[in-house]
Amino acid sequence: MEREKEDAYCRVLGLAEPCAESLFTPGSTCDRLYLAAYDARSRLAGRLGTDFEDRDLEILWQTLEAIQHAVARRMYDCGRARERWRGSAPTSAVRQSARPPGARQPPPGRN
């Protein structure tokens, strides 16, 4: 299961062989956001007079990537749980309310 999660994460990021699932294809929203963050990191390093590989800039970058990784893996877990739930869900619709459809009362003052 862990390997499957990691493979899905790599495909979505485009780290594995290029595929349609990647969110980072050239010109995509994620690609543009990543480049904007990369450019900001470069400008910040320039203003600080540090190297691009400055320890604190690297910690910030790695931390954001770690958060991205954790969120992606949790989303994968949620998707798998949803698949399992759908597979065992009853075939009839489940009502969320005890009130029958169409039994709503109009707001006061409106007829």
PDB file of N, CA and C in Angstrom:
ATOM      1  N   MET A   1       0.824  -1.197   0.000  1.00  0.00           N
ATOM      2  CA  MET A   1       0.000   0.000   0.000  1.00  0.00           C
ATOM      3  C   MET A   1       0.865   1.257   0.000  1.00  0.00           C
ATOM      4  N   GLU A   2       1.928   1.284   0.794  1.00  0.00           N
ATOM      5  CA  GLU A   2       2.804   2.460   0.843  1.00  0.00           C
ATOM      6  C   GLU A   2       3.437   2.737  -0.524  1.00  0.00           C
ATOM      7  N   ARG A   3       3.865   1.673  -1.194  1.00  0.00           N
ATOM      8  CA  ARG A   3       4.480   1.831  -2.514  1.00  0.00           C
ATOM      9  C   ARG A   3       3.463   2.391  -3.515  1.00  0.00           C
ATOM     10  N   GLU A   4       2.218   1.917  -3.407  1.00  0.00           N
ATOM     11  CA  GLU A   4       1.154   2.391  -4.289  1.00  0.00           C
ATOM     12  C   GLU A   4       0.898   3.884  -4.074  1.00  0.00           C
ATOM     13  N   LYS A   5       0.902   4.318  -2.815  1.00  0.00           N
ATOM     14  CA  LYS A   5       0.724   5.738  -2.502  1.00  0.00           C
ATOM     15  C   LYS A   5       1.846   6.565  -3.103  1.00  0.00           C
ATOM     16  N   GLU A   6       3.058   6.096  -2.906  1.00  0.00           N
ATOM     17  CA  GLU A   6       4.217   6.840  -3.405  1.00  0.00           C
ATOM     18  C   GLU A   6       4.211   6.896  -4.931  1.00  0.00           C
ATOM     19  N   ASP A   7       3.830   5.804  -5.581  1.00  0.00           N
ATOM     20  CA  ASP A   7       3.751   5.790  -7.045  1.00  0.00           C
ATOM     21  C   ASP A   7       2.715   6.794  -7.546  1.00  0.00           C
ATOM     22  N   ALA A   8       1.555   6.844  -6.879  1.00  0.00           N
ATOM     23  CA  ALA A   8       0.508   7.793  -7.279  1.00  0.00           C
ATOM     24  C   ALA A   8       1.004   9.220  -7.095  1.00  0.00           C
ATOM     25  N   TYR A   9       1.671   9.486  -5.984  1.00  0.00           N
ATOM     26  CA  TYR A   9       2.216  10.817  -5.714  1.00  0.00           C
ATOM     27  C   TYR A   9       3.209  11.225  -6.806  1.00  0.00           C
ATOM     28  N   CYS A  10       4.093  10.316  -7.178  1.00  0.00           N
ATOM     29  CA  CYS A  10       5.098  10.607  -8.202  1.00  0.00           C
ATOM     30  C   CYS A  10       4.456  10.846  -9.571  1.00  0.00           C
ATOM     31  N   ARG A  11       3.416  10.088  -9.886  1.00  0.00           N
ATOM     32  CA  ARG A  11       2.740  10.281 -11.175  1.00  0.00           C
ATOM     33  C   ARG A  11       2.073  11.643 -11.245  1.00  0.00           C
ATOM     34  N   VAL A  12       1.398  12.036 -10.171  1.00  0.00           N
ATOM     35  CA  VAL A  12       0.693  13.311 -10.156  1.00  0.00           C
ATOM     36  C   VAL A  12       1.669  14.478 -10.272  1.00  0.00           C
ATOM     37  N   LEU A  13       2.830  14.341  -9.648  1.00  0.00           N
ATOM     38  CA  LEU A  13       3.836  15.410  -9.724  1.00  0.00           C
ATOM     39  C   LEU A  13       4.639  15.363 -11.013  1.00  0.00           C
ATOM     40  N   GLY A  14       4.496  14.280 -11.754  1.00  0.00           N
ATOM     41  CA  GLY A  14       5.270  14.146 -12.982  1.00  0.00           C
ATOM     42  C   GLY A  14       6.690  13.695 -12.708  1.00  0.00           C
ATOM     43  N   LEU A  15       6.955  13.135 -11.529  1.00  0.00           N
ATOM     44  CA  LEU A  15       8.294  12.672 -11.183  1.00  0.00           C
ATOM     45  C   LEU A  15       8.587  11.319 -11.811  1.00  0.00           C
ATOM     46  N   ALA A  16       7.545  10.576 -12.097  1.00  0.00           N
ATOM     47  CA  ALA A  16       7.699   9.287 -12.780  1.00  0.00           C
ATOM     48  C   ALA A  16       7.654   9.568 -14.280  1.00  0.00           C
ATOM     49  N   GLU A  17       7.527   8.540 -15.061  1.00  0.00           N
ATOM     50  CA  GLU A  17       7.436   8.753 -16.502  1.00  0.00           C
ATOM     51  C   GLU A  17       6.279   9.696 -16.791  1.00  0.00           C
ATOM     52  N   PRO A  18       6.418  10.560 -17.785  1.00  0.00           N
ATOM     53  CA  PRO A  18       5.345  11.514 -18.083  1.00  0.00           C
ATOM     54  C   PRO A  18       4.029  10.791 -18.344  1.00  0.00           C
ATOM     55  N   CYS A  19       2.975  11.329 -17.760  1.00  0.00           N
ATOM     56  CA  CYS A  19       1.660  10.732 -17.976  1.00  0.00           C
ATOM     57  C   CYS A  19       0.597  11.809 -17.867  1.00  0.00           C
ATOM     58  N   ALA A  20      -0.593  11.464 -18.290  1.00  0.00           N
ATOM     59  CA  ALA A  20      -1.700  12.417 -18.296  1.00  0.00           C
ATOM     60  C   ALA A  20      -2.115  12.830 -16.887  1.00  0.00           C
ATOM     61  N   GLU A  21      -1.746  12.053 -15.864  1.00  0.00           N
ATOM     62  CA  GLU A  21      -2.152  12.357 -14.500  1.00  0.00           C
ATOM     63  C   GLU A  21      -1.350  13.502 -13.887  1.00  0.00           C
ATOM     64  N   SER A  22      -0.215  13.856 -14.461  1.00  0.00           N
ATOM     65  CA  SER A  22       0.650  14.877 -13.871  1.00  0.00           C
ATOM     66  C   SER A  22      -0.040  16.236 -13.840  1.00  0.00           C
ATOM     67  N   LEU A  23       0.055  16.897 -12.706  1.00  0.00           N
ATOM     68  CA  LEU A  23      -0.490  18.249 -12.563  1.00  0.00           C
ATOM     69  C   LEU A  23       0.542  19.310 -12.911  1.00  0.00           C
ATOM     70  N   PHE A  24       1.769  18.873 -13.236  1.00  0.00           N
ATOM     71  CA  PHE A  24       2.858  19.805 -13.483  1.00  0.00           C
ATOM     72  C   PHE A  24       3.322  19.798 -14.936  1.00  0.00           C
ATOM     73  N   THR A  25       2.419  19.523 -15.856  1.00  0.00           N
ATOM     74  CA  THR A  25       2.806  19.580 -17.259  1.00  0.00           C
ATOM     75  C   THR A  25       3.140  21.029 -17.604  1.00  0.00           C
ATOM     76  N   PRO A  26       4.037  21.259 -18.548  1.00  0.00           N
ATOM     77  CA  PRO A  26       4.425  22.628 -18.892  1.00  0.00           C
ATOM     78  C   PRO A  26       3.213  23.509 -19.208  1.00  0.00           C
ATOM     79  N   GLY A  27       3.177  24.664 -18.562  1.00  0.00           N
ATOM     80  CA  GLY A  27       2.101  25.617 -18.776  1.00  0.00           C
ATOM     81  C   GLY A  27       0.886  25.404 -17.891  1.00  0.00           C
ATOM     82  N   SER A  28       0.852  24.305 -17.112  1.00  0.00           N
ATOM     83  CA  SER A  28      -0.292  24.040 -16.233  1.00  0.00           C
ATOM     84  C   SER A  28      -0.291  25.014 -15.058  1.00  0.00           C
ATOM     85  N   THR A  29      -1.389  25.076 -14.348  1.00  0.00           N
ATOM     86  CA  THR A  29      -1.487  25.947 -13.176  1.00  0.00           C
ATOM     87  C   THR A  29      -0.407  25.600 -12.152  1.00  0.00           C
ATOM     88  N   CYS A  30      -0.249  24.312 -11.858  1.00  0.00           N
ATOM     89  CA  CYS A  30       0.766  23.916 -10.873  1.00  0.00           C
ATOM     90  C   CYS A  30       2.169  24.250 -11.351  1.00  0.00           C
ATOM     91  N   ASP A  31       2.424  24.088 -12.632  1.00  0.00           N
ATOM     92  CA  ASP A  31       3.736  24.423 -13.188  1.00  0.00           C
ATOM     93  C   ASP A  31       4.011  25.912 -13.026  1.00  0.00           C
ATOM     94  N   ARG A  32       3.020  26.741 -13.341  1.00  0.00           N
ATOM     95  CA  ARG A  32       3.203  28.198 -13.199  1.00  0.00           C
ATOM     96  C   ARG A  32       3.410  28.590 -11.734  1.00  0.00           C
ATOM     97  N   LEU A  33       2.654  27.979 -10.820  1.00  0.00           N
ATOM     98  CA  LEU A  33       2.809  28.278  -9.397  1.00  0.00           C
ATOM     99  C   LEU A  33       4.184  27.854  -8.890  1.00  0.00           C
ATOM    100  N   TYR A  34       4.635  26.687  -9.320  1.00  0.00           N
ATOM    101  CA  TYR A  34       5.947  26.197  -8.902  1.00  0.00           C
ATOM    102  C   TYR A  34       7.043  27.147  -9.400  1.00  0.00           C
ATOM    103  N   LEU A  35       6.945  27.564 -10.655  1.00  0.00           N
ATOM    104  CA  LEU A  35       7.951  28.484 -11.197  1.00  0.00           C
ATOM    105  C   LEU A  35       7.924  29.823 -10.482  1.00  0.00           C
ATOM    106  N   ALA A  36       6.736  30.303 -10.120  1.00  0.00           N
ATOM    107  CA  ALA A  36       6.637  31.567  -9.386  1.00  0.00           C
ATOM    108  C   ALA A  36       7.308  31.438  -8.018  1.00  0.00           C
ATOM    109  N   ALA A  37       7.093  30.309  -7.342  1.00  0.00           N
ATOM    110  CA  ALA A  37       7.738  30.092  -6.041  1.00  0.00           C
ATOM    111  C   ALA A  37       9.253  29.992  -6.202  1.00  0.00           C
ATOM    112  N   TYR A  38       9.695  29.307  -7.241  1.00  0.00           N
ATOM    113  CA  TYR A  38      11.123  29.150  -7.503  1.00  0.00           C
ATOM    114  C   TYR A  38      11.771  30.515  -7.778  1.00  0.00           C
ATOM    115  N   ASP A  39      11.096  31.333  -8.575  1.00  0.00           N
ATOM    116  CA  ASP A  39      11.611  32.673  -8.879  1.00  0.00           C
ATOM    117  C   ASP A  39      11.662  33.536  -7.620  1.00  0.00           C
ATOM    118  N   ALA A  40      10.632  33.423  -6.774  1.00  0.00           N
ATOM    119  CA  ALA A  40      10.614  34.192  -5.526  1.00  0.00           C
ATOM    120  C   ALA A  40      11.766  33.772  -4.627  1.00  0.00           C
ATOM    121  N   ARG A  41      12.039  32.489  -4.587  1.00  0.00           N
ATOM    122  CA  ARG A  41      13.167  31.995  -3.786  1.00  0.00           C
ATOM    123  C   ARG A  41      14.478  32.582  -4.308  1.00  0.00           C
ATOM    124  N   SER A  42      14.628  32.629  -5.608  1.00  0.00           N
ATOM    125  CA  SER A  42      15.843  33.204  -6.210  1.00  0.00           C
ATOM    126  C   SER A  42      15.974  34.683  -5.877  1.00  0.00           C
ATOM    127  N   ARG A  43      14.872  35.434  -5.992  1.00  0.00           N
ATOM    128  CA  ARG A  43      14.911  36.868  -5.680  1.00  0.00           C
ATOM    129  C   ARG A  43      15.236  37.096  -4.209  1.00  0.00           C
ATOM    130  N   LEU A  44      14.638  36.302  -3.338  1.00  0.00           N
ATOM    131  CA  LEU A  44      14.885  36.425  -1.902  1.00  0.00           C
ATOM    132  C   LEU A  44      16.353  36.140  -1.577  1.00  0.00           C
ATOM    133  N   ALA A  45      16.899  35.121  -2.194  1.00  0.00           N
ATOM    134  CA  ALA A  45      18.317  34.811  -1.980  1.00  0.00           C
ATOM    135  C   ALA A  45      19.182  35.986  -2.440  1.00  0.00           C
ATOM    136  N   GLY A  46      18.806  36.587  -3.566  1.00  0.00           N
ATOM    137  CA  GLY A  46      19.555  37.748  -4.057  1.00  0.00           C
ATOM    138  C   GLY A  46      19.484  38.934  -3.105  1.00  0.00           C
ATOM    139  N   ARG A  47      18.290  39.218  -2.591  1.00  0.00           N
ATOM    140  CA  ARG A  47      18.130  40.339  -1.654  1.00  0.00           C
ATOM    141  C   ARG A  47      18.866  40.096  -0.350  1.00  0.00           C
ATOM    142  N   LEU A  48      18.893  38.835   0.087  1.00  0.00           N
ATOM    143  CA  LEU A  48      19.588  38.517   1.330  1.00  0.00           C
ATOM    144  C   LEU A  48      21.094  38.417   1.144  1.00  0.00           C
ATOM    145  N   GLY A  49      21.519  38.377  -0.111  1.00  0.00           N
ATOM    146  CA  GLY A  49      22.939  38.224  -0.388  1.00  0.00           C
ATOM    147  C   GLY A  49      23.441  36.828  -0.068  1.00  0.00           C
ATOM    148  N   THR A  50      22.560  35.838  -0.170  1.00  0.00           N
ATOM    149  CA  THR A  50      22.941  34.460   0.117  1.00  0.00           C
ATOM    150  C   THR A  50      22.900  33.637  -1.161  1.00  0.00           C
ATOM    151  N   ASP A  51      23.382  32.454  -1.037  1.00  0.00           N
ATOM    152  CA  ASP A  51      23.324  31.494  -2.125  1.00  0.00           C
ATOM    153  C   ASP A  51      21.897  30.966  -2.229  1.00  0.00           C
ATOM    154  N   PHE A  52      21.512  30.499  -3.408  1.00  0.00           N
ATOM    155  CA  PHE A  52      20.201  29.895  -3.615  1.00  0.00           C
ATOM    156  C   PHE A  52      20.000  28.728  -2.654  1.00  0.00           C
ATOM    157  N   GLU A  53      21.070  28.059  -2.300  1.00  0.00           N
ATOM    158  CA  GLU A  53      21.021  26.899  -1.405  1.00  0.00           C
ATOM    159  C   GLU A  53      21.171  27.303   0.062  1.00  0.00           C
ATOM    160  N   ASP A  54      20.864  28.567   0.386  1.00  0.00           N
ATOM    161  CA  ASP A  54      20.912  29.027   1.768  1.00  0.00           C
ATOM    162  C   ASP A  54      20.148  28.059   2.663  1.00  0.00           C
ATOM    163  N   ARG A  55      20.702  27.772   3.826  1.00  0.00           N
ATOM    164  CA  ARG A  55      20.124  26.764   4.715  1.00  0.00           C
ATOM    165  C   ARG A  55      18.666  27.054   5.057  1.00  0.00           C
ATOM    166  N   ASP A  56      18.351  28.299   5.420  1.00  0.00           N
ATOM    167  CA  ASP A  56      16.974  28.623   5.805  1.00  0.00           C
ATOM    168  C   ASP A  56      16.023  28.582   4.609  1.00  0.00           C
ATOM    169  N   LEU A  57      16.461  29.053   3.464  1.00  0.00           N
ATOM    170  CA  LEU A  57      15.624  28.954   2.265  1.00  0.00           C
ATOM    171  C   LEU A  57      15.383  27.491   1.903  1.00  0.00           C
ATOM    172  N   GLU A  58      16.403  26.680   2.056  1.00  0.00           N
ATOM    173  CA  GLU A  58      16.269  25.251   1.765  1.00  0.00           C
ATOM    174  C   GLU A  58      15.292  24.584   2.742  1.00  0.00           C
ATOM    175  N   ILE A  59      15.352  24.976   4.016  1.00  0.00           N
ATOM    176  CA  ILE A  59      14.416  24.426   5.011  1.00  0.00           C
ATOM    177  C   ILE A  59      12.988  24.809   4.655  1.00  0.00           C
ATOM    178  N   LEU A  60      12.766  26.071   4.296  1.00  0.00           N
ATOM    179  CA  LEU A  60      11.425  26.499   3.896  1.00  0.00           C
ATOM    180  C   LEU A  60      10.925  25.682   2.707  1.00  0.00           C
ATOM    181  N   TRP A  61      11.762  25.547   1.686  1.00  0.00           N
ATOM    182  CA  TRP A  61      11.390  24.823   0.468  1.00  0.00           C
ATOM    183  C   TRP A  61      11.084  23.359   0.783  1.00  0.00           C
ATOM    184  N   GLN A  62      11.960  22.716   1.538  1.00  0.00           N
ATOM    185  CA  GLN A  62      11.767  21.306   1.867  1.00  0.00           C
ATOM    186  C   GLN A  62      10.543  21.097   2.755  1.00  0.00           C
ATOM    187  N   THR A  63      10.279  22.047   3.644  1.00  0.00           N
ATOM    188  CA  THR A  63       9.111  21.943   4.509  1.00  0.00           C
ATOM    189  C   THR A  63       7.827  22.041   3.694  1.00  0.00           C
ATOM    190  N   LEU A  64       7.783  22.982   2.760  1.00  0.00           N
ATOM    191  CA  LEU A  64       6.592  23.094   1.912  1.00  0.00           C
ATOM    192  C   LEU A  64       6.396  21.843   1.059  1.00  0.00           C
ATOM    193  N   GLU A  65       7.481  21.276   0.556  1.00  0.00           N
ATOM    194  CA  GLU A  65       7.367  20.038  -0.210  1.00  0.00           C
ATOM    195  C   GLU A  65       6.906  18.881   0.678  1.00  0.00           C
ATOM    196  N   ALA A  66       7.360  18.849   1.921  1.00  0.00           N
ATOM    197  CA  ALA A  66       6.934  17.794   2.843  1.00  0.00           C
ATOM    198  C   ALA A  66       5.441  17.927   3.172  1.00  0.00           C
ATOM    199  N   ILE A  67       4.972  19.151   3.331  1.00  0.00           N
ATOM    200  CA  ILE A  67       3.545  19.382   3.569  1.00  0.00           C
ATOM    201  C   ILE A  67       2.745  18.919   2.355  1.00  0.00           C
ATOM    202  N   GLN A  68       3.210  19.285   1.163  1.00  0.00           N
ATOM    203  CA  GLN A  68       2.555  18.870  -0.081  1.00  0.00           C
ATOM    204  C   GLN A  68       2.478  17.339  -0.152  1.00  0.00           C
ATOM    205  N   HIS A  69       3.559  16.693   0.209  1.00  0.00           N
ATOM    206  CA  HIS A  69       3.621  15.231   0.172  1.00  0.00           C
ATOM    207  C   HIS A  69       2.626  14.629   1.164  1.00  0.00           C
ATOM    208  N   ALA A  70       2.576  15.164   2.377  1.00  0.00           N
ATOM    209  CA  ALA A  70       1.661  14.650   3.399  1.00  0.00           C
ATOM    210  C   ALA A  70       0.201  14.847   2.979  1.00  0.00           C
ATOM    211  N   VAL A  71      -0.117  16.005   2.424  1.00  0.00           N
ATOM    212  CA  VAL A  71      -1.488  16.276   1.985  1.00  0.00           C
ATOM    213  C   VAL A  71      -1.870  15.350   0.828  1.00  0.00           C
ATOM    214  N   ALA A  72      -0.962  15.156  -0.120  1.00  0.00           N
ATOM    215  CA  ALA A  72      -1.249  14.285  -1.259  1.00  0.00           C
ATOM    216  C   ALA A  72      -1.501  12.850  -0.803  1.00  0.00           C
ATOM    217  N   ARG A  73      -0.705  12.373   0.128  1.00  0.00           N
ATOM    218  CA  ARG A  73      -0.886  11.001   0.622  1.00  0.00           C
ATOM    219  C   ARG A  73      -2.202  10.871   1.389  1.00  0.00           C
ATOM    220  N   ARG A  74      -2.572  11.885   2.146  1.00  0.00           N
ATOM    221  CA  ARG A  74      -3.849  11.841   2.866  1.00  0.00           C
ATOM    222  C   ARG A  74      -5.008  11.865   1.874  1.00  0.00           C
ATOM    223  N   MET A  75      -4.886  12.653   0.829  1.00  0.00           N
ATOM    224  CA  MET A  75      -5.934  12.682  -0.196  1.00  0.00           C
ATOM    225  C   MET A  75      -6.068  11.318  -0.860  1.00  0.00           C
ATOM    226  N   TYR A  76      -4.942  10.668  -1.075  1.00  0.00           N
ATOM    227  CA  TYR A  76      -4.968   9.320  -1.636  1.00  0.00           C
ATOM    228  C   TYR A  76      -5.730   8.387  -0.695  1.00  0.00           C
ATOM    229  N   ASP A  77      -5.426   8.459   0.600  1.00  0.00           N
ATOM    230  CA  ASP A  77      -6.123   7.631   1.590  1.00  0.00           C
ATOM    231  C   ASP A  77      -7.624   7.903   1.566  1.00  0.00           C
ATOM    232  N   CYS A  78      -7.992   9.179   1.485  1.00  0.00           N
ATOM    233  CA  CYS A  78      -9.415   9.532   1.461  1.00  0.00           C
ATOM    234  C   CYS A  78     -10.085   8.989   0.202  1.00  0.00           C
ATOM    235  N   GLY A  79      -9.400   9.055  -0.910  1.00  0.00           N
ATOM    236  CA  GLY A  79      -9.944   8.513  -2.156  1.00  0.00           C
ATOM    237  C   GLY A  79     -10.144   7.010  -2.070  1.00  0.00           C
ATOM    238  N   ARG A  80      -9.167   6.313  -1.493  1.00  0.00           N
ATOM    239  CA  ARG A  80      -9.290   4.857  -1.330  1.00  0.00           C
ATOM    240  C   ARG A  80     -10.429   4.522  -0.377  1.00  0.00           C
ATOM    241  N   ALA A  81     -10.576   5.284   0.701  1.00  0.00           N
ATOM    242  CA  ALA A  81     -11.668   5.048   1.646  1.00  0.00           C
ATOM    243  C   ALA A  81     -13.015   5.275   0.961  1.00  0.00           C
ATOM    244  N   ARG A  82     -13.081   6.295   0.132  1.00  0.00           N
ATOM    245  CA  ARG A  82     -14.325   6.570  -0.597  1.00  0.00           C
ATOM    246  C   ARG A  82     -14.661   5.431  -1.547  1.00  0.00           C
ATOM    247  N   GLU A  83     -13.638   4.892  -2.217  1.00  0.00           N
ATOM    248  CA  GLU A  83     -13.863   3.749  -3.104  1.00  0.00           C
ATOM    249  C   GLU A  83     -14.401   2.560  -2.320  1.00  0.00           C
ATOM    250  N   ARG A  84     -13.812   2.305  -1.161  1.00  0.00           N
ATOM    251  CA  ARG A  84     -14.280   1.186  -0.327  1.00  0.00           C
ATOM    252  C   ARG A  84     -15.704   1.429   0.137  1.00  0.00           C
ATOM    253  N   TRP A  85     -16.002   2.675   0.539  1.00  0.00           N
ATOM    254  CA  TRP A  85     -17.336   3.017   0.993  1.00  0.00           C
ATOM    255  C   TRP A  85     -18.339   2.837  -0.138  1.00  0.00           C
ATOM    256  N   ARG A  86     -18.007   3.314  -1.317  1.00  0.00           N
ATOM    257  CA  ARG A  86     -18.909   3.168  -2.458  1.00  0.00           C
ATOM    258  C   ARG A  86     -19.133   1.703  -2.800  1.00  0.00           C
ATOM    259  N   GLY A  87     -18.102   0.905  -2.658  1.00  0.00           N
ATOM    260  CA  GLY A  87     -18.223  -0.515  -2.956  1.00  0.00           C
ATOM    261  C   GLY A  87     -19.146  -1.240  -2.001  1.00  0.00           C
ATOM    262  N   SER A  88     -19.274  -0.730  -0.774  1.00  0.00           N
ATOM    263  CA  SER A  88     -20.116  -1.398   0.208  1.00  0.00           C
ATOM    264  C   SER A  88     -21.392  -0.624   0.483  1.00  0.00           C
ATOM    265  N   ALA A  89     -21.592   0.484  -0.223  1.00  0.00           N
ATOM    266  CA  ALA A  89     -22.779   1.310   0.013  1.00  0.00           C
ATOM    267  C   ALA A  89     -24.031   0.590  -0.465  1.00  0.00           C
ATOM    268  N   PRO A  90     -25.135   0.800   0.212  1.00  0.00           N
ATOM    269  CA  PRO A  90     -26.382   0.189  -0.237  1.00  0.00           C
ATOM    270  C   PRO A  90     -26.794   0.750  -1.591  1.00  0.00           C
ATOM    271  N   THR A  91     -27.575  -0.019  -2.317  1.00  0.00           N
ATOM    272  CA  THR A  91     -27.975   0.421  -3.661  1.00  0.00           C
ATOM    273  C   THR A  91     -29.067   1.464  -3.607  1.00  0.00           C
ATOM    274  N   SER A  92     -29.812   1.558  -2.515  1.00  0.00           N
ATOM    275  CA  SER A  92     -30.857   2.577  -2.418  1.00  0.00           C
ATOM    276  C   SER A  92     -30.257   3.861  -1.866  1.00  0.00           C
ATOM    277  N   ALA A  93     -30.903   4.964  -2.192  1.00  0.00           N
ATOM    278  CA  ALA A  93     -30.425   6.264  -1.726  1.00  0.00           C
ATOM    279  C   ALA A  93     -30.587   6.369  -0.216  1.00  0.00           C
ATOM    280  N   VAL A  94     -29.677   7.065   0.407  1.00  0.00           N
ATOM    281  CA  VAL A  94     -29.730   7.286   1.844  1.00  0.00           C
ATOM    282  C   VAL A  94     -30.210   8.703   2.075  1.00  0.00           C
ATOM    283  N   ARG A  95     -31.254   8.839   2.882  1.00  0.00           N
ATOM    284  CA  ARG A  95     -31.776  10.173   3.165  1.00  0.00           C
ATOM    285  C   ARG A  95     -31.005  10.799   4.306  1.00  0.00           C
ATOM    286  N   GLN A  96     -30.737  12.081   4.161  1.00  0.00           N
ATOM    287  CA  GLN A  96     -30.016  12.809   5.188  1.00  0.00           C
ATOM    288  C   GLN A  96     -30.978  13.498   6.142  1.00  0.00           C
ATOM    289  N   SER A  97     -32.243  13.537   5.787  1.00  0.00           N
ATOM    290  CA  SER A  97     -33.218  14.233   6.603  1.00  0.00           C
ATOM    291  C   SER A  97     -34.439  13.350   6.797  1.00  0.00           C
ATOM    292  N   ALA A  98     -35.083  13.505   7.932  1.00  0.00           N
ATOM    293  CA  ALA A  98     -36.296  12.735   8.187  1.00  0.00           C
ATOM    294  C   ALA A  98     -37.483  13.358   7.470  1.00  0.00           C
ATOM    295  N   ARG A  99     -37.355  14.595   7.037  1.00  0.00           N
ATOM    296  CA  ARG A  99     -38.440  15.296   6.362  1.00  0.00           C
ATOM    297  C   ARG A  99     -38.564  14.780   4.936  1.00  0.00           C
ATOM    298  N   PRO A 100     -39.748  14.419   4.481  1.00  0.00           N
ATOM    299  CA  PRO A 100     -39.902  13.941   3.107  1.00  0.00           C
ATOM    300  C   PRO A 100     -39.634  15.053   2.109  1.00  0.00           C
ATOM    301  N   PRO A 101     -39.187  14.698   0.906  1.00  0.00           N
ATOM    302  CA  PRO A 101     -38.922  15.715  -0.111  1.00  0.00           C
ATOM    303  C   PRO A 101     -40.165  16.549  -0.381  1.00  0.00           C
ATOM    304  N   GLY A 102     -39.967  17.828  -0.608  1.00  0.00           N
ATOM    305  CA  GLY A 102     -41.073  18.724  -0.941  1.00  0.00           C
ATOM    306  C   GLY A 102     -41.857  19.188   0.260  1.00  0.00           C
ATOM    307  N   ALA A 103     -41.448  18.850   1.472  1.00  0.00           N
ATOM    308  CA  ALA A 103     -42.211  19.226   2.663  1.00  0.00           C
ATOM    309  C   ALA A 103     -41.663  20.481   3.312  1.00  0.00           C
ATOM    310  N   ARG A 104     -40.858  21.233   2.609  1.00  0.00           N
ATOM    311  CA  ARG A 104     -40.301  22.467   3.198  1.00  0.00           C
ATOM    312  C   ARG A 104     -41.378  23.509   3.360  1.00  0.00           C
ATOM    313  N   GLN A 105     -41.254  24.252   4.418  1.00  0.00           N
ATOM    314  CA  GLN A 105     -42.167  25.367   4.652  1.00  0.00           C
ATOM    315  C   GLN A 105     -41.580  26.611   4.014  1.00  0.00           C
ATOM    316  N   PRO A 106     -42.405  27.449   3.375  1.00  0.00           N
ATOM    317  CA  PRO A 106     -41.884  28.698   2.817  1.00  0.00           C
ATOM    318  C   PRO A 106     -41.457  29.630   3.947  1.00  0.00           C
ATOM    319  N   PRO A 107     -40.502  30.519   3.677  1.00  0.00           N
ATOM    320  CA  PRO A 107     -40.071  31.469   4.709  1.00  0.00           C
ATOM    321  C   PRO A 107     -41.259  32.352   5.134  1.00  0.00           C
ATOM    322  N   PRO A 108     -41.262  32.848   6.384  1.00  0.00           N
ATOM    323  CA  PRO A 108     -42.354  33.689   6.840  1.00  0.00           C
ATOM    324  C   PRO A 108     -42.517  34.915   5.943  1.00  0.00           C
ATOM    325  N   GLY A 109     -43.749  35.285   5.655  1.00  0.00           N
ATOM    326  CA  GLY A 109     -44.024  36.468   4.852  1.00  0.00           C
ATOM    327  C   GLY A 109     -43.971  36.219   3.357  1.00  0.00           C
ATOM    328  N   ARG A 110     -43.684  34.986   2.919  1.00  0.00           N
ATOM    329  CA  ARG A 110     -43.634  34.684   1.481  1.00  0.00           C
ATOM    330  C   ARG A 110     -44.622  33.595   1.183  1.00  0.00           C
ATOM    331  N   ASN A 111     -45.440  33.803   0.207  1.00  0.00           N
ATOM    332  CA  ASN A 111     -46.429  32.797  -0.179  1.00  0.00           C
ATOM    333  C   ASN A 111     -46.227  32.396  -1.596  1.00  0.00           C
TER     334      ASN A 111
END
